[in-house]
Amino acid sequence: MQDVRMTSEYDQFKFREDNRETITQSHVKRLAASIQARNLLEMRPISVNADMEVIDGQHRLLAAKLLGVPIYYVRNFELTPSDIIIMNVAQTWGQGDYLNYYCKNHYPEYIKLKEFMVENGLSLKIALNISMGCAREMYLNFKDGKFKFNKEHFESYINICWETIEYIRRMNGYSPYTDSARFWGALLILIRHANFDAAKWKDNLSKMVERITAKASKQDYLKMFMEIHNWRNNSKVELI
């Protein structure tokens, strides 16, 4: 049976750096409103390790502190940092939360990914699309700490992407849509196709760059890119 304890001494609890960035104030406020309506904190105590670090229940703790009501907790001396992921069921982690966790715990492949994002000014969504594609198994590996960052595998892709984007910006002026995941996703699909002809793409782009405009979906971008690439081109990309 768990030894559930109650306290209003909130400052005895510690937040780990590899879990701190998962906190969202909107979630804290929603929990606080729920607790005010019906306080069931005793039925779901937070979990802390031997050092009083919160492994599960950061938002509940902050909501209790906000309301000034006691928090219930269980201190488990066998909990480890890796249990943060396993026990994080109250609020699903996003990809950024996993990246933060593994970087803070010195996973070299994830640190390489973050450095790559900073170096190229890319969002995590775009960086993962470049490095992993859209395979579900690869995203599961990313969450499980098994991600491998192999820049050589996609370096030629990103070079063509940046050459394309820089040319569009130079010729068309301010083009914020080129920073979107939809734009990058469609461009990567085109470039990765077996029939993609880099030389013809650059040549056609120089003649038809005015056709590059903001689109509502990745499919719309892909259709636009295909029309440009395939114009007077024997090596056609057929995806739609």
Protein backbone atom coordinates (compact mmCIF):
# COMPACT_ATOMS: atom_id res chain seq x y z
CA MET A 1 0.00 0.00 0.00
CA GLN A 2 1.30 3.43 -0.90
CA ASP A 3 2.31 5.80 1.88
CA VAL A 4 0.36 8.88 0.76
CA ARG A 5 1.32 12.07 2.56
CA MET A 6 -0.29 15.50 2.62
CA THR A 7 1.47 18.86 2.81
CA SER A 8 1.11 22.56 2.10
CA GLU A 9 4.87 23.08 2.11
CA TYR A 10 5.13 23.31 -1.65
CA ASP A 11 8.72 24.56 -1.72
CA GLN A 12 10.10 21.22 -0.53
CA PHE A 13 9.40 19.82 -4.00
CA LYS A 14 11.86 20.26 -6.87
CA PHE A 15 11.30 20.48 -10.61
CA ARG A 16 13.85 18.74 -12.80
CA GLU A 17 15.33 20.74 -15.68
CA ASP A 18 14.53 17.92 -18.12
CA ASN A 19 10.85 18.17 -17.20
CA ARG A 20 10.42 21.86 -16.40
CA GLU A 21 9.76 22.96 -19.99
CA THR A 22 6.67 20.72 -20.21
CA ILE A 23 4.80 23.03 -17.81
CA THR A 24 2.03 25.09 -19.40
CA GLN A 25 0.20 27.73 -17.37
CA SER A 26 -3.04 27.16 -19.26
CA HIS A 27 -3.06 23.54 -18.05
CA VAL A 28 -2.36 24.68 -14.49
CA LYS A 29 -5.34 27.05 -14.64
CA ARG A 30 -7.63 24.34 -16.05
CA LEU A 31 -6.62 21.99 -13.25
CA ALA A 32 -7.13 24.71 -10.64
CA ALA A 33 -10.67 25.32 -11.91
CA SER A 34 -11.36 21.58 -11.79
CA ILE A 35 -9.99 21.32 -8.24
CA GLN A 36 -12.13 24.25 -7.14
CA ALA A 37 -15.20 22.51 -8.51
CA ARG A 38 -14.32 19.19 -6.86
CA ASN A 39 -11.05 18.51 -5.08
CA LEU A 40 -9.94 14.97 -5.88
CA LEU A 41 -6.20 15.51 -5.31
CA GLU A 42 -6.18 12.92 -2.52
CA MET A 43 -7.19 10.26 -5.05
CA ARG A 44 -4.28 11.08 -7.36
CA PRO A 45 -1.16 11.96 -5.40
CA ILE A 46 1.90 13.27 -7.20
CA SER A 47 5.01 11.05 -7.37
CA VAL A 48 8.43 12.20 -6.18
CA ASN A 49 11.78 10.46 -5.97
CA ALA A 50 14.22 10.23 -3.07
CA ASP A 51 15.42 13.79 -3.68
CA MET A 52 11.84 15.17 -3.67
CA GLU A 53 12.02 15.80 -7.43
CA VAL A 54 8.59 15.66 -9.07
CA ILE A 55 8.47 12.73 -11.48
CA ASP A 56 4.74 12.92 -12.13
CA GLY A 57 2.33 15.70 -11.17
CA GLN A 58 4.00 19.05 -11.80
CA HIS A 59 0.76 20.68 -12.95
CA ARG A 60 -1.25 19.30 -10.02
CA LEU A 61 1.35 20.65 -7.60
CA LEU A 62 1.29 24.11 -9.18
CA ALA A 63 -2.53 24.13 -9.26
CA ALA A 64 -2.68 23.20 -5.56
CA LYS A 65 -0.15 25.93 -4.76
CA LEU A 66 -2.15 28.45 -6.79
CA LEU A 67 -5.29 27.63 -4.78
CA GLY A 68 -3.48 27.24 -1.46
CA VAL A 69 -4.85 23.73 -0.89
CA PRO A 70 -2.82 20.75 0.36
CA ILE A 71 -1.10 18.48 -2.14
CA TYR A 72 -0.87 14.72 -1.70
CA TYR A 73 2.29 12.91 -2.63
CA VAL A 74 4.02 9.55 -2.64
CA ARG A 75 7.78 9.41 -2.20
CA ASN A 76 9.26 6.48 -4.09
CA PHE A 77 12.97 5.88 -3.58
CA GLU A 78 13.17 3.64 -6.67
CA LEU A 79 11.97 6.24 -9.20
CA THR A 80 14.57 7.31 -11.78
CA PRO A 81 14.66 10.22 -14.27
CA SER A 82 13.61 7.92 -17.12
CA ASP A 83 10.33 7.29 -15.30
CA ILE A 84 9.29 10.86 -16.15
CA ILE A 85 8.37 9.71 -19.66
CA ILE A 86 6.62 6.53 -18.50
CA MET A 87 4.55 8.31 -15.86
CA ASN A 88 3.70 11.39 -17.88
CA VAL A 89 0.11 10.46 -18.60
CA ALA A 90 -1.76 13.53 -17.36
CA GLN A 91 -0.69 15.62 -20.33
CA THR A 92 0.72 14.06 -23.49
CA TRP A 93 4.23 15.17 -24.33
CA GLY A 94 4.92 16.80 -27.64
CA GLN A 95 8.04 16.28 -29.74
CA GLY A 96 9.65 19.35 -28.18
CA ASP A 97 9.23 17.88 -24.71
CA TYR A 98 11.05 14.70 -25.74
CA LEU A 99 13.83 16.70 -27.38
CA ASN A 100 14.25 18.80 -24.22
CA TYR A 101 14.30 15.72 -21.98
CA TYR A 102 16.93 13.85 -23.99
CA CYS A 103 19.11 16.94 -24.52
CA LYS A 104 19.06 17.74 -20.80
CA ASN A 105 20.10 14.14 -20.13
CA HIS A 106 23.01 14.41 -22.58
CA TYR A 107 21.85 12.12 -25.39
CA PRO A 108 24.38 13.01 -28.14
CA GLU A 109 22.09 12.32 -31.13
CA TYR A 110 19.42 14.67 -29.79
CA ILE A 111 22.01 17.34 -29.03
CA LYS A 112 23.19 17.08 -32.65
CA LEU A 113 19.60 17.54 -33.81
CA LYS A 114 19.11 20.64 -31.66
CA GLU A 115 22.39 22.13 -32.89
CA PHE A 116 21.30 21.41 -36.47
CA MET A 117 17.99 23.22 -35.84
CA VAL A 118 19.76 26.28 -34.42
CA GLU A 119 22.38 26.31 -37.16
CA ASN A 120 19.75 26.25 -39.91
CA GLY A 121 16.98 28.21 -38.20
CA LEU A 122 14.55 25.29 -38.47
CA SER A 123 11.59 24.26 -36.36
CA LEU A 124 11.69 20.81 -34.78
CA LYS A 125 8.90 19.61 -37.06
CA ILE A 126 10.85 20.54 -40.18
CA ALA A 127 14.14 19.17 -38.80
CA LEU A 128 12.52 15.81 -38.03
CA ASN A 129 10.91 15.70 -41.46
CA ILE A 130 14.30 16.28 -43.06
CA SER A 131 16.15 13.75 -40.94
CA MET A 132 13.51 11.04 -40.60
CA GLY A 133 10.84 11.51 -43.24
CA CYS A 134 7.33 10.54 -42.17
CA ALA A 135 7.82 6.93 -41.07
CA ARG A 136 5.84 6.24 -37.88
CA GLU A 137 8.44 3.78 -36.59
CA MET A 138 11.11 6.49 -36.73
CA TYR A 139 8.97 8.86 -34.67
CA LEU A 140 8.44 6.13 -32.09
CA ASN A 141 12.22 5.68 -31.92
CA PHE A 142 12.54 9.44 -31.40
CA LYS A 143 10.22 9.25 -28.39
CA ASP A 144 11.99 6.18 -27.03
CA GLY A 145 15.45 7.77 -27.08
CA LYS A 146 16.65 5.70 -30.05
CA PHE A 147 16.88 8.54 -32.58
CA LYS A 148 19.99 8.58 -34.78
CA PHE A 149 21.08 11.79 -36.44
CA ASN A 150 22.85 11.10 -39.73
CA LYS A 151 23.44 14.42 -41.46
CA GLU A 152 25.20 12.80 -44.40
CA HIS A 153 21.97 10.97 -45.27
CA PHE A 154 20.09 14.17 -46.06
CA GLU A 155 22.75 16.87 -46.48
CA SER A 156 22.19 17.08 -50.24
CA TYR A 157 18.44 17.48 -49.67
CA ILE A 158 18.77 20.43 -47.34
CA ASN A 159 21.25 22.15 -49.64
CA ILE A 160 18.73 22.06 -52.50
CA CYS A 161 15.96 23.22 -50.14
CA TRP A 162 17.95 26.24 -49.02
CA GLU A 163 19.07 27.09 -52.57
CA THR A 164 15.41 26.98 -53.63
CA ILE A 165 14.20 29.09 -50.71
CA GLU A 166 16.96 31.67 -51.01
CA TYR A 167 16.22 32.07 -54.74
CA ILE A 168 12.48 32.48 -54.09
CA ARG A 169 13.14 35.10 -51.42
CA ARG A 170 15.58 36.94 -53.64
CA MET A 171 13.22 37.05 -56.61
CA ASN A 172 9.80 37.27 -54.92
CA GLY A 173 10.70 39.30 -51.86
CA TYR A 174 9.21 38.63 -48.42
CA SER A 175 8.04 35.00 -48.46
CA PRO A 176 7.18 33.85 -44.90
CA TYR A 177 5.45 30.72 -46.19
CA THR A 178 8.88 29.25 -46.99
CA ASP A 179 9.34 28.75 -43.23
CA SER A 180 6.24 26.57 -42.91
CA ALA A 181 6.28 22.81 -42.37
CA ARG A 182 3.80 22.44 -45.26
CA PHE A 183 6.21 24.13 -47.68
CA TRP A 184 9.24 22.17 -46.49
CA GLY A 185 7.33 18.88 -46.38
CA ALA A 186 6.19 19.20 -49.98
CA LEU A 187 9.62 20.34 -51.20
CA LEU A 188 11.29 17.37 -49.51
CA ILE A 189 8.82 14.94 -51.08
CA LEU A 190 9.69 16.35 -54.49
CA ILE A 191 13.45 16.33 -53.95
CA ARG A 192 13.48 12.78 -52.54
CA HIS A 193 11.63 11.37 -55.55
CA ALA A 194 13.68 9.03 -57.75
CA ASN A 195 12.89 11.10 -60.88
CA PHE A 196 13.83 14.45 -59.36
CA ASP A 197 16.22 16.33 -61.65
CA ALA A 198 18.05 19.01 -59.66
CA ALA A 199 19.46 20.80 -62.71
CA LYS A 200 16.08 20.95 -64.47
CA TRP A 201 14.38 22.06 -61.26
CA LYS A 202 16.73 25.03 -60.90
CA ASP A 203 16.35 25.94 -64.56
CA ASN A 204 12.56 25.75 -64.49
CA LEU A 205 12.41 27.60 -61.19
CA SER A 206 14.34 30.50 -62.69
CA LYS A 207 11.72 30.73 -65.46
CA MET A 208 8.62 30.22 -63.29
CA VAL A 209 9.52 31.58 -59.85
CA GLU A 210 6.59 34.03 -59.96
CA ARG A 211 4.28 31.01 -59.72
CA ILE A 212 5.57 30.26 -56.22
CA THR A 213 2.93 31.56 -53.82
CA ALA A 214 1.52 30.68 -50.40
CA LYS A 215 -0.74 27.61 -50.39
CA ALA A 216 -3.22 26.18 -47.91
CA SER A 217 -1.87 22.64 -47.72
CA LYS A 218 1.16 20.46 -48.35
CA GLN A 219 -0.67 18.83 -51.26
CA ASP A 220 -1.20 22.23 -52.89
CA TYR A 221 2.50 23.04 -52.53
CA LEU A 222 3.45 19.65 -53.95
CA LYS A 223 1.19 20.14 -56.96
CA MET A 224 2.77 23.54 -57.60
CA PHE A 225 6.31 22.16 -57.29
CA MET A 226 5.53 19.24 -59.60
CA GLU A 227 4.15 21.55 -62.29
CA ILE A 228 7.34 23.60 -62.21
CA HIS A 229 9.68 20.59 -62.11
CA ASN A 230 7.85 18.67 -64.86
CA TRP A 231 7.58 21.54 -67.35
CA ARG A 232 9.39 20.44 -70.53
CA ASN A 233 11.08 17.73 -68.49
CA ASN A 234 11.42 14.12 -69.60
CA SER A 235 12.17 13.03 -66.03
CA LYS A 236 8.75 13.68 -64.50
CA VAL A 237 7.77 13.42 -60.85
CA GLU A 238 4.28 11.95 -60.59
CA LEU A 239 2.91 11.97 -57.05
CA ILE A 240 -0.66 13.29 -57.27
